N, C-alpha and C. Protein backbone atom coordinates (compact mmCIF):
# COMPACT_ATOMS: atom_id res chain seq x y z
N MET A 1 99.77 95.82 103.72
CA MET A 1 99.33 97.14 103.31
C MET A 1 100.54 97.87 102.67
N ASP A 2 100.35 98.43 101.49
CA ASP A 2 101.45 99.13 100.83
C ASP A 2 101.63 100.51 101.44
N ALA A 3 102.74 101.12 101.14
CA ALA A 3 103.12 102.41 101.76
C ALA A 3 102.06 103.48 101.49
N LEU A 4 101.58 103.59 100.27
CA LEU A 4 100.64 104.66 99.95
C LEU A 4 99.27 104.42 100.58
N THR A 5 98.88 103.18 100.71
CA THR A 5 97.63 102.86 101.41
C THR A 5 97.69 103.25 102.87
N PHE A 6 98.83 102.92 103.47
CA PHE A 6 99.07 103.33 104.87
C PHE A 6 99.00 104.85 105.03
N LEU A 7 99.70 105.57 104.19
CA LEU A 7 99.71 107.01 104.28
C LEU A 7 98.33 107.59 103.98
N ARG A 8 97.60 107.03 102.99
CA ARG A 8 96.29 107.52 102.62
C ARG A 8 95.30 107.38 103.80
N THR A 9 95.42 106.29 104.53
CA THR A 9 94.56 106.08 105.71
C THR A 9 94.79 107.18 106.74
N ASP A 10 96.06 107.48 106.98
CA ASP A 10 96.39 108.57 107.92
C ASP A 10 95.85 109.91 107.41
N HIS A 11 96.06 110.17 106.12
CA HIS A 11 95.59 111.43 105.54
C HIS A 11 94.06 111.59 105.67
N GLU A 12 93.36 110.52 105.40
CA GLU A 12 91.89 110.57 105.49
C GLU A 12 91.43 110.86 106.90
N SER A 13 92.09 110.27 107.88
CA SER A 13 91.77 110.49 109.27
C SER A 13 92.02 111.95 109.66
N VAL A 14 93.18 112.49 109.21
CA VAL A 14 93.53 113.88 109.53
C VAL A 14 92.54 114.83 108.81
N LEU A 15 92.22 114.54 107.56
CA LEU A 15 91.31 115.42 106.84
C LEU A 15 89.92 115.43 107.51
N GLY A 16 89.48 114.30 108.03
CA GLY A 16 88.22 114.24 108.75
C GLY A 16 88.28 115.10 110.02
N MET A 17 89.38 115.08 110.74
CA MET A 17 89.52 115.90 111.92
C MET A 17 89.52 117.40 111.54
N LEU A 18 90.24 117.75 110.48
CA LEU A 18 90.29 119.13 110.05
C LEU A 18 88.89 119.64 109.70
N GLU A 19 88.12 118.82 108.97
CA GLU A 19 86.75 119.18 108.60
C GLU A 19 85.91 119.41 109.86
N SER A 20 86.02 118.56 110.83
CA SER A 20 85.31 118.65 112.08
C SER A 20 85.66 119.97 112.84
N LEU A 21 86.95 120.23 112.87
CA LEU A 21 87.43 121.43 113.55
C LEU A 21 86.98 122.71 112.85
N GLU A 22 86.89 122.66 111.52
CA GLU A 22 86.40 123.85 110.79
C GLU A 22 84.94 124.11 111.12
N ARG A 23 84.17 123.05 111.23
CA ARG A 23 82.76 123.21 111.52
C ARG A 23 82.43 123.60 112.98
N GLY A 24 83.22 123.04 113.89
CA GLY A 24 82.92 123.18 115.30
C GLY A 24 83.63 124.34 116.00
N ARG A 25 83.17 125.52 115.78
CA ARG A 25 83.82 126.70 116.38
C ARG A 25 82.92 127.36 117.41
N GLY A 26 82.09 126.58 118.10
CA GLY A 26 81.26 127.13 119.13
C GLY A 26 82.05 127.62 120.34
N SER A 27 81.43 128.46 121.13
CA SER A 27 82.14 129.05 122.27
C SER A 27 81.65 128.52 123.60
N GLY A 28 80.68 127.64 123.61
CA GLY A 28 80.22 127.06 124.87
C GLY A 28 81.29 126.16 125.50
N GLU A 29 81.19 125.94 126.80
CA GLU A 29 82.20 125.16 127.50
C GLU A 29 82.34 123.75 126.95
N ALA A 30 81.27 123.06 126.66
CA ALA A 30 81.30 121.72 126.10
C ALA A 30 81.94 121.70 124.73
N GLU A 31 81.59 122.75 123.93
CA GLU A 31 82.13 122.81 122.58
C GLU A 31 83.63 123.08 122.58
N VAL A 32 84.07 123.98 123.47
CA VAL A 32 85.49 124.27 123.58
C VAL A 32 86.26 123.05 124.05
N ARG A 33 85.69 122.32 125.02
CA ARG A 33 86.36 121.12 125.53
C ARG A 33 86.44 120.05 124.43
N ALA A 34 85.36 119.86 123.67
CA ALA A 34 85.35 118.88 122.58
C ALA A 34 86.39 119.27 121.51
N ARG A 35 86.48 120.55 121.24
CA ARG A 35 87.45 121.06 120.26
C ARG A 35 88.87 120.83 120.74
N GLY A 36 89.10 121.08 122.00
CA GLY A 36 90.42 120.80 122.61
C GLY A 36 90.79 119.31 122.53
N ASN A 37 89.80 118.46 122.80
CA ASN A 37 90.04 117.00 122.72
C ASN A 37 90.35 116.61 121.27
N MET A 38 89.63 117.14 120.33
CA MET A 38 89.89 116.85 118.91
C MET A 38 91.29 117.29 118.51
N VAL A 39 91.70 118.44 118.96
CA VAL A 39 93.03 118.93 118.63
C VAL A 39 94.11 118.07 119.27
N THR A 40 93.87 117.58 120.47
CA THR A 40 94.81 116.66 121.09
C THR A 40 94.96 115.43 120.24
N THR A 41 93.88 114.87 119.77
CA THR A 41 93.92 113.70 118.89
C THR A 41 94.66 114.04 117.57
N LEU A 42 94.38 115.23 117.02
CA LEU A 42 95.07 115.67 115.82
C LEU A 42 96.60 115.77 116.05
N VAL A 43 96.98 116.38 117.14
CA VAL A 43 98.42 116.51 117.49
C VAL A 43 99.09 115.14 117.58
N ILE A 44 98.44 114.20 118.21
CA ILE A 44 98.97 112.86 118.32
C ILE A 44 99.10 112.22 116.96
N ALA A 45 98.04 112.27 116.16
CA ALA A 45 97.98 111.65 114.83
C ALA A 45 99.07 112.25 113.92
N GLU A 46 99.13 113.55 113.92
CA GLU A 46 100.13 114.22 113.02
C GLU A 46 101.54 113.97 113.50
N SER A 47 101.78 113.96 114.80
CA SER A 47 103.11 113.71 115.32
C SER A 47 103.60 112.33 114.93
N GLN A 48 102.75 111.33 115.06
CA GLN A 48 103.10 109.98 114.68
C GLN A 48 103.35 109.91 113.16
N HIS A 49 102.46 110.48 112.43
CA HIS A 49 102.50 110.41 110.95
C HIS A 49 103.80 111.03 110.43
N GLU A 50 104.12 112.22 110.90
CA GLU A 50 105.31 112.93 110.38
C GLU A 50 106.57 112.21 110.80
N ALA A 51 106.62 111.67 112.01
CA ALA A 51 107.82 110.90 112.45
C ALA A 51 108.03 109.69 111.57
N ILE A 52 106.94 109.00 111.25
CA ILE A 52 107.06 107.81 110.45
C ILE A 52 107.51 108.16 109.00
N GLU A 53 106.93 109.23 108.47
CA GLU A 53 107.33 109.65 107.12
C GLU A 53 108.81 109.98 107.09
N GLU A 54 109.28 110.75 108.10
CA GLU A 54 110.66 111.18 108.13
C GLU A 54 111.64 110.03 108.34
N GLN A 55 111.19 109.01 109.06
CA GLN A 55 112.04 107.86 109.32
C GLN A 55 112.08 106.89 108.15
N PHE A 56 110.96 106.70 107.45
CA PHE A 56 110.86 105.66 106.42
C PHE A 56 110.55 106.17 105.02
N PHE A 57 109.48 106.99 104.91
CA PHE A 57 109.02 107.35 103.58
C PHE A 57 109.94 108.29 102.84
N TRP A 58 110.32 109.38 103.48
CA TRP A 58 111.17 110.36 102.76
C TRP A 58 112.55 109.82 102.37
N PRO A 59 113.18 108.98 103.22
CA PRO A 59 114.42 108.39 102.74
C PRO A 59 114.23 107.51 101.49
N GLU A 60 113.08 106.78 101.40
CA GLU A 60 112.79 105.97 100.25
C GLU A 60 112.54 106.83 99.05
N VAL A 61 111.84 107.94 99.25
CA VAL A 61 111.59 108.87 98.11
C VAL A 61 112.92 109.36 97.61
N ARG A 62 113.82 109.75 98.50
CA ARG A 62 115.15 110.25 98.09
C ARG A 62 115.92 109.20 97.30
N ARG A 63 115.80 107.94 97.68
CA ARG A 63 116.56 106.87 97.04
C ARG A 63 115.96 106.46 95.71
N THR A 64 114.66 106.50 95.51
CA THR A 64 114.05 105.88 94.37
C THR A 64 113.37 106.81 93.39
N VAL A 65 112.93 107.95 93.80
CA VAL A 65 112.16 108.85 92.95
C VAL A 65 113.07 109.85 92.26
N PRO A 66 112.93 110.00 90.95
CA PRO A 66 113.67 111.07 90.28
C PRO A 66 113.31 112.42 90.92
N ASN A 67 114.35 113.22 91.19
CA ASN A 67 114.14 114.49 91.87
C ASN A 67 113.61 114.34 93.30
N GLY A 68 113.83 113.14 93.85
CA GLY A 68 113.31 112.81 95.20
C GLY A 68 113.87 113.65 96.29
N ASN A 69 115.15 114.10 96.19
CA ASN A 69 115.70 114.96 97.26
C ASN A 69 114.92 116.25 97.33
N ASP A 70 114.61 116.86 96.18
CA ASP A 70 113.87 118.11 96.18
C ASP A 70 112.47 117.96 96.77
N LEU A 71 111.81 116.87 96.36
CA LEU A 71 110.45 116.62 96.85
C LEU A 71 110.48 116.41 98.39
N ALA A 72 111.44 115.58 98.82
CA ALA A 72 111.53 115.32 100.28
C ALA A 72 111.84 116.59 101.04
N GLU A 73 112.76 117.39 100.55
CA GLU A 73 113.12 118.66 101.22
C GLU A 73 111.93 119.57 101.34
N GLN A 74 111.16 119.70 100.28
CA GLN A 74 109.97 120.59 100.32
C GLN A 74 108.98 120.06 101.35
N ALA A 75 108.76 118.75 101.36
CA ALA A 75 107.81 118.17 102.31
C ALA A 75 108.27 118.32 103.74
N ILE A 76 109.56 118.08 103.98
CA ILE A 76 110.08 118.17 105.33
C ILE A 76 110.05 119.61 105.83
N THR A 77 110.24 120.58 104.95
CA THR A 77 110.12 121.99 105.33
C THR A 77 108.68 122.28 105.76
N GLN A 78 107.71 121.77 104.97
CA GLN A 78 106.31 121.98 105.32
C GLN A 78 105.99 121.28 106.66
N GLU A 79 106.53 120.09 106.88
CA GLU A 79 106.30 119.38 108.12
C GLU A 79 106.94 120.08 109.31
N GLY A 80 108.08 120.69 109.13
CA GLY A 80 108.70 121.44 110.21
C GLY A 80 107.82 122.59 110.67
N GLU A 81 107.23 123.29 109.75
CA GLU A 81 106.32 124.40 110.09
C GLU A 81 105.08 123.84 110.78
N ALA A 82 104.58 122.71 110.30
CA ALA A 82 103.42 122.08 110.91
C ALA A 82 103.75 121.69 112.37
N LYS A 83 104.92 121.16 112.61
CA LYS A 83 105.30 120.79 113.97
C LYS A 83 105.29 121.98 114.92
N ARG A 84 105.77 123.10 114.41
CA ARG A 84 105.78 124.32 115.25
C ARG A 84 104.37 124.78 115.59
N LEU A 85 103.47 124.70 114.60
CA LEU A 85 102.05 125.03 114.86
C LEU A 85 101.38 124.02 115.79
N LEU A 86 101.70 122.76 115.60
CA LEU A 86 101.15 121.74 116.48
C LEU A 86 101.66 121.94 117.93
N GLN A 87 102.88 122.33 118.05
CA GLN A 87 103.43 122.60 119.41
C GLN A 87 102.66 123.78 120.02
N ARG A 88 102.42 124.83 119.26
CA ARG A 88 101.64 125.96 119.77
C ARG A 88 100.24 125.49 120.20
N LEU A 89 99.60 124.70 119.36
CA LEU A 89 98.27 124.18 119.68
C LEU A 89 98.30 123.35 120.98
N LYS A 90 99.31 122.51 121.11
CA LYS A 90 99.45 121.68 122.29
C LYS A 90 99.66 122.51 123.54
N ASP A 91 100.34 123.62 123.41
CA ASP A 91 100.70 124.45 124.57
C ASP A 91 99.62 125.48 124.94
N CYS A 92 98.63 125.67 124.04
CA CYS A 92 97.62 126.72 124.24
C CYS A 92 96.37 126.15 124.94
N GLU A 93 95.67 127.08 125.54
CA GLU A 93 94.35 126.73 126.14
C GLU A 93 93.31 126.69 125.01
N PRO A 94 92.60 125.57 124.87
CA PRO A 94 91.55 125.54 123.84
C PRO A 94 90.58 126.72 123.99
N GLY A 95 90.25 127.28 122.87
CA GLY A 95 89.33 128.41 122.84
C GLY A 95 90.01 129.78 122.97
N SER A 96 91.32 129.79 123.36
CA SER A 96 92.01 131.06 123.49
C SER A 96 92.27 131.60 122.08
N GLU A 97 92.58 132.90 122.03
CA GLU A 97 92.86 133.54 120.78
C GLU A 97 94.09 132.92 120.09
N VAL A 98 95.13 132.63 120.87
CA VAL A 98 96.34 132.03 120.30
C VAL A 98 96.04 130.66 119.74
N PHE A 99 95.25 129.89 120.45
CA PHE A 99 94.83 128.56 119.98
C PHE A 99 94.11 128.65 118.66
N GLU A 100 93.15 129.55 118.56
CA GLU A 100 92.37 129.70 117.34
C GLU A 100 93.24 130.21 116.20
N GLN A 101 94.16 131.10 116.48
CA GLN A 101 95.09 131.58 115.43
C GLN A 101 95.94 130.42 114.90
N ALA A 102 96.51 129.64 115.83
CA ALA A 102 97.34 128.53 115.41
C ALA A 102 96.55 127.53 114.59
N LEU A 103 95.31 127.27 115.00
CA LEU A 103 94.48 126.33 114.27
C LEU A 103 94.09 126.88 112.91
N THR A 104 93.81 128.17 112.84
CA THR A 104 93.49 128.79 111.56
C THR A 104 94.69 128.76 110.62
N GLN A 105 95.89 128.82 111.13
CA GLN A 105 97.09 128.67 110.27
C GLN A 105 97.34 127.20 109.91
N PHE A 106 97.13 126.31 110.86
CA PHE A 106 97.45 124.90 110.65
C PHE A 106 96.55 124.25 109.62
N ILE A 107 95.23 124.49 109.64
CA ILE A 107 94.30 123.77 108.80
C ILE A 107 94.63 123.95 107.32
N PRO A 108 94.77 125.15 106.76
CA PRO A 108 95.11 125.24 105.36
C PRO A 108 96.51 124.72 105.00
N ALA A 109 97.45 124.88 105.93
CA ALA A 109 98.80 124.37 105.70
C ALA A 109 98.77 122.84 105.63
N ALA A 110 98.01 122.23 106.50
CA ALA A 110 97.90 120.74 106.50
C ALA A 110 97.24 120.25 105.20
N ARG A 111 96.18 120.95 104.78
CA ARG A 111 95.53 120.55 103.53
C ARG A 111 96.48 120.71 102.35
N ALA A 112 97.26 121.80 102.31
CA ALA A 112 98.20 122.04 101.21
C ALA A 112 99.31 120.96 101.23
N HIS A 113 99.76 120.60 102.40
CA HIS A 113 100.81 119.58 102.50
C HIS A 113 100.27 118.23 102.01
N ILE A 114 99.09 117.88 102.43
CA ILE A 114 98.51 116.59 102.00
C ILE A 114 98.32 116.61 100.48
N GLU A 115 97.83 117.73 99.96
CA GLU A 115 97.67 117.85 98.51
C GLU A 115 99.02 117.71 97.80
N PHE A 116 100.04 118.32 98.31
CA PHE A 116 101.40 118.23 97.71
C PHE A 116 101.84 116.76 97.68
N GLU A 117 101.73 116.09 98.80
CA GLU A 117 102.15 114.70 98.85
C GLU A 117 101.35 113.85 97.85
N GLN A 118 100.03 113.98 97.90
CA GLN A 118 99.20 113.11 97.07
C GLN A 118 99.30 113.39 95.59
N SER A 119 99.45 114.67 95.22
CA SER A 119 99.45 114.99 93.79
C SER A 119 100.89 115.05 93.20
N GLN A 120 101.85 115.41 93.99
CA GLN A 120 103.24 115.58 93.47
C GLN A 120 104.14 114.40 93.75
N VAL A 121 104.04 113.85 94.95
CA VAL A 121 104.98 112.83 95.37
C VAL A 121 104.46 111.43 95.10
N TRP A 122 103.25 111.13 95.51
CA TRP A 122 102.74 109.77 95.41
C TRP A 122 102.74 109.21 93.98
N PRO A 123 102.30 109.95 92.96
CA PRO A 123 102.35 109.35 91.62
C PRO A 123 103.79 108.99 91.18
N ARG A 124 104.73 109.83 91.54
CA ARG A 124 106.14 109.55 91.14
C ARG A 124 106.68 108.36 91.97
N PHE A 125 106.27 108.32 93.24
CA PHE A 125 106.68 107.20 94.09
C PHE A 125 106.14 105.89 93.55
N ALA A 126 104.83 105.88 93.22
CA ALA A 126 104.20 104.68 92.68
C ALA A 126 104.84 104.21 91.40
N ASP A 127 105.30 105.12 90.57
CA ASP A 127 105.99 104.75 89.31
C ASP A 127 107.41 104.24 89.54
N ALA A 128 108.04 104.66 90.64
CA ALA A 128 109.44 104.38 90.84
C ALA A 128 109.71 103.14 91.68
N ILE A 129 108.74 102.68 92.45
CA ILE A 129 109.01 101.60 93.40
C ILE A 129 108.19 100.35 93.04
N PRO A 130 108.82 99.20 93.09
CA PRO A 130 108.06 97.99 92.81
C PRO A 130 107.02 97.71 93.90
N PRO A 131 105.91 97.11 93.55
CA PRO A 131 104.84 96.86 94.54
C PRO A 131 105.33 96.11 95.78
N GLU A 132 106.21 95.12 95.60
CA GLU A 132 106.67 94.35 96.77
C GLU A 132 107.48 95.25 97.72
N LYS A 133 108.21 96.17 97.18
CA LYS A 133 109.00 97.09 98.01
C LYS A 133 108.06 98.08 98.75
N SER A 134 107.01 98.50 98.05
CA SER A 134 106.00 99.38 98.68
C SER A 134 105.28 98.67 99.78
N ASN A 135 104.98 97.38 99.58
CA ASN A 135 104.31 96.60 100.62
C ASN A 135 105.24 96.44 101.84
N GLU A 136 106.48 96.17 101.62
CA GLU A 136 107.47 96.04 102.70
C GLU A 136 107.58 97.35 103.49
N LEU A 137 107.65 98.45 102.78
CA LEU A 137 107.71 99.75 103.41
C LEU A 137 106.44 100.06 104.23
N GLY A 138 105.29 99.76 103.62
CA GLY A 138 104.04 99.96 104.35
C GLY A 138 103.97 99.16 105.63
N GLN A 139 104.46 97.93 105.60
CA GLN A 139 104.47 97.10 106.82
C GLN A 139 105.37 97.70 107.87
N LYS A 140 106.54 98.18 107.45
CA LYS A 140 107.48 98.84 108.40
C LYS A 140 106.84 100.06 109.03
N MET A 141 106.18 100.88 108.23
CA MET A 141 105.55 102.10 108.74
C MET A 141 104.42 101.76 109.69
N ALA A 142 103.62 100.77 109.34
CA ALA A 142 102.50 100.39 110.24
C ALA A 142 103.01 99.89 111.58
N ALA A 143 104.10 99.08 111.54
CA ALA A 143 104.68 98.59 112.80
C ALA A 143 105.30 99.73 113.61
N ALA A 144 105.90 100.70 112.97
CA ALA A 144 106.54 101.80 113.64
C ALA A 144 105.56 102.78 114.29
N LYS A 145 104.32 102.82 113.80
CA LYS A 145 103.37 103.76 114.33
C LYS A 145 103.14 103.57 115.82
N ALA A 146 103.13 102.33 116.28
CA ALA A 146 102.94 102.09 117.70
C ALA A 146 104.02 102.64 118.56
N MET A 147 105.21 102.81 117.99
CA MET A 147 106.36 103.30 118.72
C MET A 147 106.70 104.76 118.42
N ALA A 148 105.90 105.43 117.63
CA ALA A 148 106.20 106.79 117.22
C ALA A 148 105.87 107.78 118.31
N PRO A 149 106.55 108.93 118.31
CA PRO A 149 106.25 109.98 119.28
C PRO A 149 104.79 110.46 119.11
N THR A 150 104.21 110.93 120.21
CA THR A 150 102.83 111.42 120.19
C THR A 150 102.79 112.92 120.39
N ARG A 151 103.93 113.56 120.41
CA ARG A 151 103.99 115.00 120.53
C ARG A 151 104.88 115.51 119.39
N PRO A 152 104.76 116.80 119.01
CA PRO A 152 105.46 117.30 117.80
C PRO A 152 106.98 117.30 117.82
N HIS A 153 107.63 117.65 118.92
CA HIS A 153 109.11 117.70 119.00
C HIS A 153 109.70 118.47 117.80
N PRO A 154 109.36 119.77 117.65
CA PRO A 154 109.87 120.51 116.48
C PRO A 154 111.40 120.67 116.50
N GLY A 155 112.05 120.47 117.61
CA GLY A 155 113.51 120.62 117.69
C GLY A 155 114.29 119.37 117.27
N THR A 156 113.60 118.24 117.12
CA THR A 156 114.28 117.02 116.70
C THR A 156 114.58 117.07 115.20
N PRO A 157 115.84 116.84 114.85
CA PRO A 157 116.19 116.88 113.40
C PRO A 157 115.36 115.79 112.65
N PRO A 158 114.90 116.14 111.44
CA PRO A 158 114.05 115.17 110.68
C PRO A 158 114.81 114.11 109.93
N SER A 159 115.93 113.64 110.52
CA SER A 159 116.71 112.61 109.85
C SER A 159 116.36 111.24 110.42
N PRO A 160 116.45 110.21 109.61
CA PRO A 160 116.16 108.87 110.08
C PRO A 160 117.03 108.51 111.29
N ALA A 161 118.32 108.84 111.23
CA ALA A 161 119.22 108.50 112.37
C ALA A 161 118.78 109.17 113.66
N ALA A 162 118.41 110.42 113.61
CA ALA A 162 117.94 111.13 114.81
C ALA A 162 116.63 110.55 115.31
N LEU A 163 115.78 110.17 114.39
CA LEU A 163 114.49 109.61 114.78
C LEU A 163 114.64 108.21 115.40
N LYS A 164 115.66 107.49 114.96
CA LYS A 164 115.88 106.15 115.52
C LYS A 164 116.55 106.22 116.88
N THR A 165 117.13 107.37 117.25
CA THR A 165 117.77 107.50 118.54
C THR A 165 116.99 108.48 119.44
N VAL A 166 117.14 109.74 119.20
CA VAL A 166 116.45 110.77 120.00
C VAL A 166 114.96 110.61 119.88
N GLY A 167 114.47 110.34 118.69
CA GLY A 167 113.04 110.19 118.49
C GLY A 167 112.47 109.02 119.26
N MET A 168 113.19 107.92 119.35
CA MET A 168 112.70 106.77 120.12
C MET A 168 112.62 107.08 121.60
N VAL A 169 113.61 107.76 122.12
CA VAL A 169 113.61 108.17 123.53
C VAL A 169 112.41 109.11 123.78
N ALA A 170 112.26 110.07 122.87
CA ALA A 170 111.12 111.00 123.01
C ALA A 170 109.79 110.28 122.98
N ALA A 171 109.69 109.25 122.13
CA ALA A 171 108.43 108.51 122.02
C ALA A 171 108.14 107.77 123.32
N VAL A 172 109.15 107.15 123.91
CA VAL A 172 108.93 106.47 125.20
C VAL A 172 108.50 107.45 126.26
N VAL A 173 109.16 108.59 126.33
CA VAL A 173 108.77 109.60 127.30
C VAL A 173 107.34 110.08 127.04
N ASP A 174 107.02 110.33 125.75
CA ASP A 174 105.65 110.74 125.39
C ASP A 174 104.65 109.77 125.87
N LYS A 175 104.89 108.46 125.65
CA LYS A 175 103.90 107.45 126.00
C LYS A 175 103.73 107.36 127.53
N ILE A 176 104.83 107.51 128.27
CA ILE A 176 104.71 107.51 129.75
C ILE A 176 103.89 108.71 130.20
N ARG A 177 104.23 109.89 129.64
CA ARG A 177 103.46 111.10 130.01
C ARG A 177 101.99 110.95 129.62
N ASP A 178 101.72 110.34 128.47
CA ASP A 178 100.33 110.15 128.03
C ASP A 178 99.60 109.24 128.99
N LEU A 179 100.27 108.20 129.48
CA LEU A 179 99.65 107.26 130.41
C LEU A 179 99.30 107.96 131.73
N ILE A 180 100.24 108.73 132.23
CA ILE A 180 100.08 109.42 133.53
C ILE A 180 99.00 110.51 133.44
N THR A 181 98.93 111.23 132.35
CA THR A 181 98.01 112.36 132.21
C THR A 181 96.62 111.96 131.68
N GLY A 182 96.48 110.74 131.22
CA GLY A 182 95.19 110.33 130.61
C GLY A 182 95.08 110.72 129.15
N ARG A 183 96.14 111.21 128.56
CA ARG A 183 96.12 111.65 127.17
C ARG A 183 95.96 110.46 126.19
N ARG A 184 96.23 109.28 126.68
CA ARG A 184 96.08 108.08 125.83
C ARG A 184 94.63 107.89 125.32
N SER A 185 93.70 108.42 126.09
CA SER A 185 92.28 108.31 125.67
C SER A 185 92.02 109.09 124.39
N HIS A 186 92.96 109.90 123.98
CA HIS A 186 92.81 110.72 122.76
C HIS A 186 93.56 110.13 121.55
N TYR A 187 94.19 108.96 121.75
CA TYR A 187 94.92 108.37 120.62
C TYR A 187 93.95 108.09 119.50
N PRO A 188 94.35 108.38 118.30
CA PRO A 188 93.50 108.08 117.13
C PRO A 188 93.35 106.56 116.99
N PRO A 189 92.23 106.10 116.40
CA PRO A 189 92.07 104.67 116.21
C PRO A 189 93.18 104.10 115.33
N THR A 190 93.52 102.84 115.60
CA THR A 190 94.52 102.14 114.78
C THR A 190 93.82 101.54 113.59
N PRO A 191 94.30 101.85 112.38
CA PRO A 191 93.65 101.29 111.19
C PRO A 191 93.82 99.77 111.13
N PRO A 192 92.91 99.07 110.47
CA PRO A 192 93.10 97.64 110.35
C PRO A 192 94.34 97.30 109.53
N LYS A 193 94.94 96.19 109.86
CA LYS A 193 96.12 95.74 109.07
C LYS A 193 95.62 95.02 107.83
N GLY A 194 96.33 95.28 106.75
CA GLY A 194 95.89 94.63 105.54
C GLY A 194 96.81 94.64 104.42
């Protein structure tokens, strides 16, 4: 699987969750619980996705894409804000006013970030990187997803070196906490390898 196919699969999953969350704003107990569960899955998916991009994709964009530093910086700034909102969502009680405010802020920001990546970065990346290199990067990202953090960690620097050290420790701790709390049942499905 090439890098952009891997990222597109994640984006489609997240966009599906965002659409579901926009539609499902009921106030009944079951609806609030389902919404909370969906947000938990969203937090996990986004945390893994952003960590993988910061560790693998953005360094490659910086190396290979003309004006790649500027594109990566803009994306990482957007991702930093997203992590703060995801942390708020993770810490809030589903259905609370703070939860709904954070979700109301997160949804359009996530859509804008995905649009930025897909329309501004991906075409330039596709033009700048040979297909075999994109395939290699996609395989690395797919393999790293299983080891990626499942919580936002907004305080972790978005550098590959930090993610390979502090991020890996955080990921192990996240997975242990997920196992103990039952949060693993909210892990997003793993896309097929290809």
